[in-house]
């Protein structure tokens, strides 16, 4: 995974952080995460 390589961390770490963000945003997929983050002006 490019993100893991760029940050020199494991793919599992990236997956864990992604899951934590999904839980915080109360979403199940990246499209919903982007939508919610945009609505709350997080991105």
PDB file of N, CA and C in Angstrom:
ATOM      1  N   UNK A   1       0.851  -1.178   0.000  1.00  0.00           N
ATOM      2  CA  UNK A   1       0.000   0.000   0.000  1.00  0.00           C
ATOM      3  C   UNK A   1       0.898   1.243   0.000  1.00  0.00           C
ATOM      4  N   UNK A   2       0.613   2.158  -0.882  1.00  0.00           N
ATOM      5  CA  UNK A   2       1.472   3.328  -1.067  1.00  0.00           C
ATOM      6  C   UNK A   2       1.582   4.183   0.189  1.00  0.00           C
ATOM      7  N   UNK A   3       0.481   4.346   0.909  1.00  0.00           N
ATOM      8  CA  UNK A   3       0.501   5.159   2.130  1.00  0.00           C
ATOM      9  C   UNK A   3       1.465   4.567   3.142  1.00  0.00           C
ATOM     10  N   UNK A   4       1.386   3.259   3.331  1.00  0.00           N
ATOM     11  CA  UNK A   4       2.264   2.584   4.290  1.00  0.00           C
ATOM     12  C   UNK A   4       3.728   2.747   3.887  1.00  0.00           C
ATOM     13  N   UNK A   5       4.023   2.578   2.614  1.00  0.00           N
ATOM     14  CA  UNK A   5       5.395   2.735   2.129  1.00  0.00           C
ATOM     15  C   UNK A   5       5.891   4.156   2.327  1.00  0.00           C
ATOM     16  N   UNK A   6       5.056   5.129   2.005  1.00  0.00           N
ATOM     17  CA  UNK A   6       5.443   6.531   2.129  1.00  0.00           C
ATOM     18  C   UNK A   6       5.744   6.899   3.581  1.00  0.00           C
ATOM     19  N   UNK A   7       4.931   6.369   4.509  1.00  0.00           N
ATOM     20  CA  UNK A   7       5.094   6.694   5.927  1.00  0.00           C
ATOM     21  C   UNK A   7       6.010   5.721   6.661  1.00  0.00           C
ATOM     22  N   UNK A   8       6.494   4.713   5.949  1.00  0.00           N
ATOM     23  CA  UNK A   8       7.350   3.672   6.529  1.00  0.00           C
ATOM     24  C   UNK A   8       6.683   2.982   7.714  1.00  0.00           C
ATOM     25  N   UNK A   9       5.420   2.621   7.526  1.00  0.00           N
ATOM     26  CA  UNK A   9       4.675   1.881   8.534  1.00  0.00           C
ATOM     27  C   UNK A   9       4.054   0.662   7.850  1.00  0.00           C
ATOM     28  N   UNK A  10       3.547  -0.260   8.652  1.00  0.00           N
ATOM     29  CA  UNK A  10       2.979  -1.473   8.065  1.00  0.00           C
ATOM     30  C   UNK A  10       1.590  -1.209   7.481  1.00  0.00           C
ATOM     31  N   UNK A  11       1.208  -2.060   6.564  1.00  0.00           N
ATOM     32  CA  UNK A  11      -0.119  -1.980   5.960  1.00  0.00           C
ATOM     33  C   UNK A  11      -1.178  -2.177   7.045  1.00  0.00           C
ATOM     34  N   UNK A  12      -0.913  -3.061   7.997  1.00  0.00           N
ATOM     35  CA  UNK A  12      -1.872  -3.291   9.083  1.00  0.00           C
ATOM     36  C   UNK A  12      -2.093  -2.038   9.921  1.00  0.00           C
ATOM     37  N   UNK A  13      -1.059  -1.239  10.120  1.00  0.00           N
ATOM     38  CA  UNK A  13      -1.202   0.013  10.860  1.00  0.00           C
ATOM     39  C   UNK A  13      -2.125   0.966  10.110  1.00  0.00           C
ATOM     40  N   UNK A  14      -1.955   1.049   8.804  1.00  0.00           N
ATOM     41  CA  UNK A  14      -2.819   1.900   7.985  1.00  0.00           C
ATOM     42  C   UNK A  14      -4.260   1.419   8.087  1.00  0.00           C
ATOM     43  N   UNK A  15      -4.466   0.118   7.982  1.00  0.00           N
ATOM     44  CA  UNK A  15      -5.814  -0.448   8.062  1.00  0.00           C
ATOM     45  C   UNK A  15      -6.443  -0.181   9.430  1.00  0.00           C
ATOM     46  N   UNK A  16      -5.641  -0.316  10.488  1.00  0.00           N
ATOM     47  CA  UNK A  16      -6.158  -0.057  11.843  1.00  0.00           C
ATOM     48  C   UNK A  16      -6.584   1.398  12.003  1.00  0.00           C
ATOM     49  N   UNK A  17      -5.766   2.317  11.525  1.00  0.00           N
ATOM     50  CA  UNK A  17      -6.099   3.738  11.637  1.00  0.00           C
ATOM     51  C   UNK A  17      -7.329   4.082  10.798  1.00  0.00           C
ATOM     52  N   UNK A  18      -7.425   3.474   9.620  1.00  0.00           N
ATOM     53  CA  UNK A  18      -8.590   3.706   8.768  1.00  0.00           C
ATOM     54  C   UNK A  18      -9.857   3.230   9.474  1.00  0.00           C
ATOM     55  N   UNK A  19      -9.809   2.059  10.075  1.00  0.00           N
ATOM     56  CA  UNK A  19     -10.965   1.518  10.794  1.00  0.00           C
ATOM     57  C   UNK A  19     -11.340   2.425  11.961  1.00  0.00           C
ATOM     58  N   UNK A  20     -10.348   2.953  12.681  1.00  0.00           N
ATOM     59  CA  UNK A  20     -10.613   3.871  13.795  1.00  0.00           C
ATOM     60  C   UNK A  20     -11.304   5.140  13.303  1.00  0.00           C
ATOM     61  N   UNK A  21     -10.851   5.671  12.185  1.00  0.00           N
ATOM     62  CA  UNK A  21     -11.497   6.861  11.614  1.00  0.00           C
ATOM     63  C   UNK A  21     -12.928   6.567  11.190  1.00  0.00           C
ATOM     64  N   UNK A  22     -13.130   5.420  10.577  1.00  0.00           N
ATOM     65  CA  UNK A  22     -14.485   5.025  10.185  1.00  0.00           C
ATOM     66  C   UNK A  22     -15.381   4.930  11.413  1.00  0.00           C
ATOM     67  N   UNK A  23     -14.859   4.361  12.502  1.00  0.00           N
ATOM     68  CA  UNK A  23     -15.645   4.246  13.741  1.00  0.00           C
ATOM     69  C   UNK A  23     -15.979   5.622  14.304  1.00  0.00           C
ATOM     70  N   UNK A  24     -15.015   6.524  14.312  1.00  0.00           N
ATOM     71  CA  UNK A  24     -15.239   7.876  14.833  1.00  0.00           C
ATOM     72  C   UNK A  24     -16.295   8.604  14.002  1.00  0.00           C
ATOM     73  N   UNK A  25     -16.216   8.447  12.683  1.00  0.00           N
ATOM     74  CA  UNK A  25     -17.155   9.113  11.787  1.00  0.00           C
ATOM     75  C   UNK A  25     -18.469   8.341  11.645  1.00  0.00           C
ATOM     76  N   UNK A  26     -18.512   7.147  12.224  1.00  0.00           N
ATOM     77  CA  UNK A  26     -19.701   6.290  12.177  1.00  0.00           C
ATOM     78  C   UNK A  26     -20.093   5.956  10.739  1.00  0.00           C
ATOM     79  N   UNK A  27     -19.104   5.506   9.955  1.00  0.00           N
ATOM     80  CA  UNK A  27     -19.321   5.138   8.560  1.00  0.00           C
ATOM     81  C   UNK A  27     -18.726   3.757   8.300  1.00  0.00           C
ATOM     82  N   UNK A  28     -19.065   3.201   7.132  1.00  0.00           N
ATOM     83  CA  UNK A  28     -18.590   1.864   6.773  1.00  0.00           C
ATOM     84  C   UNK A  28     -17.689   1.829   5.541  1.00  0.00           C
ATOM     85  N   UNK A  29     -17.578   2.963   4.844  1.00  0.00           N
ATOM     86  CA  UNK A  29     -16.750   2.954   3.637  1.00  0.00           C
ATOM     87  C   UNK A  29     -16.133   4.331   3.405  1.00  0.00           C
ATOM     88  N   UNK A  30     -15.181   4.367   2.491  1.00  0.00           N
ATOM     89  CA  UNK A  30     -14.413   5.584   2.255  1.00  0.00           C
ATOM     90  C   UNK A  30     -15.268   6.705   1.676  1.00  0.00           C
ATOM     91  N   UNK A  31     -16.237   6.364   0.837  1.00  0.00           N
ATOM     92  CA  UNK A  31     -17.102   7.395   0.256  1.00  0.00           C
ATOM     93  C   UNK A  31     -17.878   8.110   1.353  1.00  0.00           C
ATOM     94  N   UNK A  32     -18.456   7.348   2.265  1.00  0.00           N
ATOM     95  CA  UNK A  32     -19.195   7.950   3.380  1.00  0.00           C
ATOM     96  C   UNK A  32     -18.261   8.743   4.291  1.00  0.00           C
ATOM     97  N   UNK A  33     -17.044   8.237   4.496  1.00  0.00           N
ATOM     98  CA  UNK A  33     -16.077   8.942   5.344  1.00  0.00           C
ATOM     99  C   UNK A  33     -15.739  10.309   4.746  1.00  0.00           C
ATOM    100  N   UNK A  34     -15.527  10.341   3.449  1.00  0.00           N
ATOM    101  CA  UNK A  34     -15.219  11.609   2.779  1.00  0.00           C
ATOM    102  C   UNK A  34     -16.409  12.556   2.856  1.00  0.00           C
ATOM    103  N   UNK A  35     -17.593  12.026   2.658  1.00  0.00           N
ATOM    104  CA  UNK A  35     -18.808  12.850   2.724  1.00  0.00           C
ATOM    105  C   UNK A  35     -18.978  13.469   4.105  1.00  0.00           C
ATOM    106  N   UNK A  36     -18.868  12.663   5.142  1.00  0.00           N
ATOM    107  CA  UNK A  36     -19.031  13.152   6.513  1.00  0.00           C
ATOM    108  C   UNK A  36     -17.923  14.141   6.859  1.00  0.00           C
ATOM    109  N   UNK A  37     -16.691  13.813   6.517  1.00  0.00           N
ATOM    110  CA  UNK A  37     -15.574  14.712   6.812  1.00  0.00           C
ATOM    111  C   UNK A  37     -15.745  16.047   6.102  1.00  0.00           C
ATOM    112  N   UNK A  38     -16.253  16.027   4.896  1.00  0.00           N
ATOM    113  CA  UNK A  38     -16.506  17.263   4.153  1.00  0.00           C
ATOM    114  C   UNK A  38     -17.615  18.083   4.798  1.00  0.00           C
ATOM    115  N   UNK A  39     -18.683  17.409   5.209  1.00  0.00           N
ATOM    116  CA  UNK A  39     -19.789  18.112   5.860  1.00  0.00           C
ATOM    117  C   UNK A  39     -19.360  18.819   7.131  1.00  0.00           C
ATOM    118  N   UNK A  40     -18.421  18.202   7.869  1.00  0.00           N
ATOM    119  CA  UNK A  40     -17.937  18.784   9.115  1.00  0.00           C
ATOM    120  C   UNK A  40     -16.687  19.642   8.912  1.00  0.00           C
ATOM    121  N   UNK A  41     -16.368  19.927   7.647  1.00  0.00           N
ATOM    122  CA  UNK A  41     -15.213  20.774   7.303  1.00  0.00           C
ATOM    123  C   UNK A  41     -13.904  20.232   7.883  1.00  0.00           C
ATOM    124  N   UNK A  42     -13.766  18.905   7.913  1.00  0.00           N
ATOM    125  CA  UNK A  42     -12.537  18.284   8.384  1.00  0.00           C
ATOM    126  C   UNK A  42     -11.513  18.155   7.258  1.00  0.00           C
ATOM    127  N   UNK A  43     -12.045  18.196   6.029  1.00  0.00           N
ATOM    128  CA  UNK A  43     -11.155  18.168   4.867  1.00  0.00           C
ATOM    129  C   UNK A  43     -11.665  19.179   3.855  1.00  0.00           C
TER     130      UNK A  43
END
